Amino acid sequence: MDAMLKELINYQELLFAFTRRNIQMKYKQTSMGVLWAIFMPIIIIFSGVIVRKAMAVLAGAPLTSQEISSVAVKSLPWAFFVTALRFAVGSLVGNMHLVTKIYFPRIIFPLSYVLGQSLDFLVAGVFLTIVFIITKVGVSIYLLWLPVLLLFLFLLTAAFATVLACWNLFYRDIRHIVDVLLTFGIFYTPVFYDASMFSGLRLFFLLNPMGSLLENINRVVVLHQPPELIWVAYAGLWAIGGAIFAWKIFEKAEPQFVGEISPQRGGLRFRQELWRKKNEK
């Protein structure tokens, strides 16, 4: 972990340069600009409200503003997770002309897409804050847990993005599999509903690390309740352990990238260069 952070710090300017490039390319020739950042969360929130309304009608109970706020606060991190993965999974394939050049940590590519999506997350977060002020959601001391939960969200997203981008370079159908899983994943993650609504399946939903994070974000922001520490620790284990695992996988596979992209060149020269560069450090 220490080596990973040191290498990223050494190449931080390059990481930010790629992040800025990704943001510029994403909004190039768009009339709405960064307002597109709130489009996907609004669609998810609207869909979630319809689902919660249907549940309320079946249960013979009214749809409360708290339920709408719960859908809204969980839709934003889910939109960040989904969009970041969809962009990051093809990051290595989409930058093949740079992957074959001189050595720099190729993990910068998926991380730059995750960082770029963080801008959309912040813009949508400002919009959501305004909505909460209007609906009088209020604040509590438990809101201090939110930065910890968001850090785990970022690490978990970065871990998945890194591993999937690496696998997609070797197996190009990974991207299509990810699209399918993300499309239907919302039905197996407590975004439109609360895990407590299904008492027999609550454990199943919380074993999904995204489910644990979303439920605890809802608790500290909307419900004004303390987070469930056991599930916060569980999500943190996935986030930190996943980040370390992703780094190790990427580090082991990186010398084979050139040979996979340009078989006629082979990967020997790149592996020698990588070995020499790391010995110099």
Protein backbone atom coordinates (compact mmCIF):
# COMPACT_ATOMS: atom_id res chain seq x y z
CA MET A 1 0.00 0.00 0.00
CA ASP A 2 2.86 2.36 0.84
CA ALA A 3 4.55 1.68 -2.51
CA MET A 4 1.28 2.26 -4.33
CA LEU A 5 0.72 5.65 -2.72
CA LYS A 6 4.32 6.75 -3.33
CA GLU A 7 4.12 5.87 -7.02
CA LEU A 8 0.83 7.70 -7.44
CA ILE A 9 2.27 10.75 -5.68
CA ASN A 10 5.27 10.70 -8.00
CA TYR A 11 2.97 10.72 -11.02
CA GLN A 12 0.21 12.89 -9.57
CA GLU A 13 0.59 15.58 -12.22
CA LEU A 14 0.09 13.01 -14.96
CA LEU A 15 -2.93 11.58 -13.13
CA PHE A 16 -4.55 15.02 -12.89
CA ALA A 17 -3.70 15.76 -16.52
CA PHE A 18 -5.51 12.62 -17.70
CA THR A 19 -8.41 13.40 -15.37
CA ARG A 20 -8.73 16.88 -16.83
CA ARG A 21 -8.55 15.48 -20.36
CA ASN A 22 -11.31 12.95 -19.62
CA ILE A 23 -13.57 15.66 -18.21
CA GLN A 24 -12.98 17.91 -21.21
CA MET A 25 -13.65 15.10 -23.67
CA LYS A 26 -16.81 14.09 -21.83
CA TYR A 27 -18.38 17.55 -22.02
CA LYS A 28 -16.95 18.57 -25.38
CA GLN A 29 -19.66 19.88 -27.74
CA THR A 30 -22.43 19.42 -25.18
CA SER A 31 -24.94 22.23 -24.75
CA MET A 32 -25.73 21.52 -21.09
CA GLY A 33 -22.14 21.06 -19.90
CA VAL A 34 -21.78 19.80 -16.35
CA LEU A 35 -25.56 19.90 -15.91
CA TRP A 36 -25.44 16.43 -17.46
CA ALA A 37 -23.92 15.36 -14.14
CA ILE A 38 -27.33 15.57 -12.45
CA PHE A 39 -29.23 13.95 -15.33
CA MET A 40 -28.54 10.31 -14.45
CA PRO A 41 -29.20 10.74 -10.70
CA ILE A 42 -32.49 12.50 -11.50
CA ILE A 43 -33.55 9.61 -13.76
CA ILE A 44 -32.65 7.08 -11.04
CA ILE A 45 -34.48 9.12 -8.38
CA PHE A 46 -37.56 9.46 -10.56
CA SER A 47 -37.56 5.71 -11.26
CA GLY A 48 -37.08 4.97 -7.57
CA VAL A 49 -39.95 7.22 -6.55
CA ILE A 50 -42.25 5.37 -8.97
CA VAL A 51 -41.16 2.02 -7.48
CA ARG A 52 -41.63 3.27 -3.89
CA LYS A 53 -45.02 4.72 -4.82
CA ALA A 54 -46.09 1.34 -6.22
CA MET A 55 -44.93 -0.35 -3.01
CA ALA A 56 -46.84 2.20 -0.93
CA VAL A 57 -50.03 1.64 -2.93
CA LEU A 58 -49.75 -2.14 -2.51
CA ALA A 59 -49.17 -1.71 1.21
CA GLY A 60 -52.02 0.80 1.51
CA ALA A 61 -49.72 3.42 3.02
CA PRO A 62 -48.81 6.96 1.85
CA LEU A 63 -45.43 7.73 0.28
CA THR A 64 -43.56 9.93 2.77
CA SER A 65 -41.01 12.63 2.02
CA GLN A 66 -38.47 10.65 4.06
CA GLU A 67 -38.82 7.70 1.67
CA ILE A 68 -38.28 9.99 -1.30
CA SER A 69 -35.19 11.48 0.40
CA SER A 70 -33.85 7.97 1.05
CA VAL A 71 -34.15 7.09 -2.64
CA ALA A 72 -32.45 10.36 -3.56
CA VAL A 73 -29.50 10.02 -1.17
CA LYS A 74 -28.79 6.45 -2.29
CA SER A 75 -29.22 7.19 -6.00
CA LEU A 76 -26.29 9.61 -6.12
CA PRO A 77 -23.53 7.22 -4.93
CA TRP A 78 -25.03 4.42 -7.04
CA ALA A 79 -24.91 6.65 -10.14
CA PHE A 80 -21.28 7.49 -9.35
CA PHE A 81 -20.38 3.82 -8.99
CA VAL A 82 -22.13 2.73 -12.19
CA THR A 83 -20.94 5.58 -14.40
CA ALA A 84 -17.34 5.42 -13.15
CA LEU A 85 -17.13 1.68 -13.88
CA ARG A 86 -18.67 2.02 -17.34
CA PHE A 87 -16.09 4.63 -18.33
CA ALA A 88 -13.11 3.04 -16.57
CA VAL A 89 -13.55 -0.54 -17.81
CA GLY A 90 -12.47 0.44 -21.33
CA SER A 91 -9.79 2.90 -20.25
CA LEU A 92 -6.77 0.72 -21.16
CA VAL A 93 -8.22 -0.43 -24.47
CA GLY A 94 -9.19 3.13 -25.33
CA ASN A 95 -5.65 4.40 -24.68
CA MET A 96 -3.69 1.60 -26.35
CA HIS A 97 -1.51 4.06 -28.23
CA LEU A 98 -0.26 5.42 -24.88
CA VAL A 99 0.00 2.08 -23.11
CA THR A 100 2.74 0.99 -25.53
CA LYS A 101 4.87 4.09 -24.94
CA ILE A 102 7.50 4.74 -22.25
CA TYR A 103 6.95 3.55 -18.69
CA PHE A 104 4.50 5.22 -16.35
CA PRO A 105 1.99 3.50 -14.04
CA ARG A 106 -0.86 2.45 -16.33
CA ILE A 107 -3.17 2.30 -13.31
CA ILE A 108 -3.48 6.03 -13.88
CA PHE A 109 -5.94 5.36 -16.73
CA PRO A 110 -8.79 3.76 -14.74
CA LEU A 111 -8.14 6.01 -11.74
CA SER A 112 -8.38 9.13 -13.91
CA TYR A 113 -11.87 8.09 -15.03
CA VAL A 114 -12.95 7.51 -11.44
CA LEU A 115 -11.57 10.92 -10.42
CA GLY A 116 -13.26 12.52 -13.43
CA GLN A 117 -16.58 11.07 -12.37
CA SER A 118 -16.02 12.58 -8.92
CA LEU A 119 -16.68 16.00 -10.46
CA ASP A 120 -20.13 14.84 -11.57
CA PHE A 121 -20.64 13.45 -8.06
CA LEU A 122 -19.84 16.85 -6.50
CA VAL A 123 -22.13 18.74 -8.90
CA ALA A 124 -25.00 16.32 -8.25
CA GLY A 125 -24.21 16.52 -4.53
CA VAL A 126 -24.75 20.30 -4.54
CA PHE A 127 -28.08 19.77 -6.31
CA LEU A 128 -29.07 17.11 -3.76
CA THR A 129 -28.12 19.39 -0.87
CA ILE A 130 -30.44 22.07 -2.23
CA VAL A 131 -33.25 19.50 -2.47
CA PHE A 132 -32.64 18.45 1.14
CA ILE A 133 -32.78 22.07 2.29
CA ILE A 134 -36.11 22.52 0.53
CA THR A 135 -37.54 19.28 1.95
CA LYS A 136 -36.12 20.10 5.41
CA VAL A 137 -34.19 16.87 5.87
CA GLY A 138 -32.05 18.52 8.51
CA VAL A 139 -28.65 17.56 9.93
CA SER A 140 -27.37 15.57 12.88
CA ILE A 141 -24.09 14.71 14.57
CA TYR A 142 -24.05 11.41 12.68
CA LEU A 143 -23.36 13.34 9.49
CA LEU A 144 -19.70 13.31 10.56
CA TRP A 145 -19.62 9.68 9.38
CA LEU A 146 -20.36 10.73 5.80
CA PRO A 147 -16.71 11.48 4.77
CA VAL A 148 -15.65 8.02 5.96
CA LEU A 149 -18.44 6.34 4.01
CA LEU A 150 -17.65 8.38 0.88
CA LEU A 151 -13.97 7.47 1.17
CA PHE A 152 -14.92 3.78 1.25
CA LEU A 153 -17.19 4.38 -1.75
CA PHE A 154 -14.32 5.91 -3.73
CA LEU A 155 -11.85 3.16 -2.81
CA LEU A 156 -14.36 0.42 -3.64
CA THR A 157 -15.16 2.01 -7.01
CA ALA A 158 -11.46 2.49 -7.81
CA ALA A 159 -10.72 -1.14 -6.90
CA PHE A 160 -13.44 -2.52 -9.19
CA ALA A 161 -12.49 -0.09 -11.96
CA THR A 162 -8.83 -1.11 -11.85
CA VAL A 163 -9.43 -4.87 -11.91
CA LEU A 164 -12.11 -4.67 -14.61
CA ALA A 165 -10.00 -2.40 -16.83
CA CYS A 166 -7.14 -4.87 -16.55
CA TRP A 167 -9.30 -7.90 -17.35
CA ASN A 168 -10.97 -6.09 -20.24
CA LEU A 169 -7.60 -5.66 -21.93
CA PHE A 170 -7.15 -9.44 -22.07
CA TYR A 171 -10.81 -10.44 -22.49
CA ARG A 172 -12.74 -7.83 -24.46
CA ASP A 173 -16.16 -9.28 -23.61
CA ILE A 174 -15.69 -8.17 -19.98
CA ARG A 175 -17.06 -4.76 -20.90
CA HIS A 176 -20.33 -6.26 -22.15
CA ILE A 177 -20.64 -8.43 -19.04
CA VAL A 178 -20.10 -5.37 -16.82
CA ASP A 179 -22.82 -3.45 -18.70
CA VAL A 180 -25.30 -6.27 -18.10
CA LEU A 181 -24.38 -6.61 -14.40
CA LEU A 182 -24.63 -2.87 -13.78
CA THR A 183 -27.95 -2.62 -15.61
CA PHE A 184 -29.60 -5.27 -13.47
CA GLY A 185 -27.50 -4.71 -10.35
CA ILE A 186 -29.81 -1.97 -9.13
CA PHE A 187 -32.48 -4.60 -8.46
CA TYR A 188 -30.12 -6.48 -6.12
CA THR A 189 -28.85 -3.34 -4.36
CA PRO A 190 -31.00 -1.35 -1.90
CA VAL A 191 -31.33 1.82 -3.94
CA PHE A 192 -35.06 1.92 -4.63
CA TYR A 193 -35.90 0.22 -1.36
CA ASP A 194 -34.51 -0.32 2.13
CA ALA A 195 -32.94 -3.64 3.08
CA SER A 196 -35.12 -3.69 6.20
CA MET A 197 -38.22 -4.00 4.00
CA PHE A 198 -37.21 -7.59 3.28
CA SER A 199 -36.40 -9.02 6.69
CA GLY A 200 -35.56 -12.47 5.34
CA LEU A 201 -33.24 -11.05 2.66
CA ARG A 202 -31.67 -8.19 4.63
CA LEU A 203 -28.43 -10.09 5.18
CA PHE A 204 -28.24 -10.86 1.44
CA PHE A 205 -28.53 -7.18 0.51
CA LEU A 206 -26.01 -6.05 3.13
CA LEU A 207 -23.42 -8.63 2.03
CA ASN A 208 -23.23 -6.57 -1.13
CA PRO A 209 -20.63 -3.94 -0.08
CA MET A 210 -22.45 -1.27 -2.07
CA GLY A 211 -25.62 -2.19 -0.21
CA SER A 212 -23.86 -1.75 3.15
CA LEU A 213 -22.53 1.66 2.12
CA LEU A 214 -25.85 2.91 0.73
CA GLU A 215 -27.82 1.79 3.77
CA ASN A 216 -25.40 3.51 6.15
CA ILE A 217 -25.28 6.68 4.07
CA ASN A 218 -29.06 6.77 4.29
CA ARG A 219 -28.93 6.24 8.06
CA VAL A 220 -26.53 9.11 8.78
CA VAL A 221 -27.94 11.60 6.24
CA VAL A 222 -31.71 11.05 6.14
CA LEU A 223 -32.68 8.92 9.14
CA HIS A 224 -30.31 10.75 11.56
CA GLN A 225 -29.28 7.45 13.10
CA PRO A 226 -25.81 6.10 13.93
CA PRO A 227 -24.33 3.80 11.30
CA GLU A 228 -24.23 0.07 11.86
CA LEU A 229 -20.56 -0.27 12.74
CA ILE A 230 -20.30 -3.93 11.81
CA TRP A 231 -21.45 -3.17 8.26
CA VAL A 232 -19.31 -0.05 8.03
CA ALA A 233 -16.30 -2.20 8.97
CA TYR A 234 -17.40 -4.82 6.43
CA ALA A 235 -17.62 -2.21 3.65
CA GLY A 236 -14.28 -0.73 4.74
CA LEU A 237 -12.66 -4.16 4.54
CA TRP A 238 -13.94 -4.55 1.00
CA ALA A 239 -12.77 -1.04 0.07
CA ILE A 240 -9.26 -1.13 1.55
CA GLY A 241 -8.65 -4.81 0.87
CA GLY A 242 -10.05 -4.41 -2.63
CA ALA A 243 -7.73 -1.47 -3.35
CA ILE A 244 -4.67 -3.49 -2.29
CA PHE A 245 -5.84 -6.57 -4.23
CA ALA A 246 -6.51 -4.45 -7.35
CA TRP A 247 -3.04 -2.90 -7.15
CA LYS A 248 -1.39 -6.33 -6.87
CA ILE A 249 -3.38 -7.73 -9.80
CA PHE A 250 -2.60 -4.70 -11.94
CA GLU A 251 1.09 -4.72 -11.01
CA LYS A 252 1.42 -8.40 -11.94
CA ALA A 253 -0.43 -8.02 -15.25
CA GLU A 254 1.10 -4.71 -16.36
CA PRO A 255 4.26 -6.19 -17.97
CA GLN A 256 2.03 -8.19 -20.32
CA PHE A 257 0.06 -5.21 -21.62
CA VAL A 258 2.35 -4.38 -24.56
CA GLY A 259 2.55 -7.99 -25.67
CA GLU A 260 -1.25 -8.24 -25.53
CA ILE A 261 -1.79 -5.05 -27.52
CA SER A 262 1.07 -5.53 -30.02
CA PRO A 263 1.93 -9.24 -30.20
CA GLN A 264 4.43 -8.62 -32.99
CA ARG A 265 6.49 -6.44 -30.65
CA GLY A 266 6.25 -8.81 -27.71
CA GLY A 267 6.40 -7.85 -24.09
CA LEU A 268 10.04 -8.66 -23.35
CA ARG A 269 11.41 -5.20 -23.99
CA PHE A 270 8.67 -3.61 -21.92
CA ARG A 271 9.26 -6.00 -19.02
CA GLN A 272 12.97 -5.19 -19.11
CA GLU A 273 12.20 -1.48 -19.09
CA LEU A 274 9.74 -1.91 -16.22
CA TRP A 275 12.29 -3.89 -14.21
CA ARG A 276 14.99 -1.30 -14.84
CA LYS A 277 12.69 1.58 -13.89
CA LYS A 278 11.69 0.01 -10.59
CA ASN A 279 15.29 -0.85 -9.73
CA GLU A 280 16.23 2.79 -10.23
CA LYS A 281 13.65 3.75 -7.62
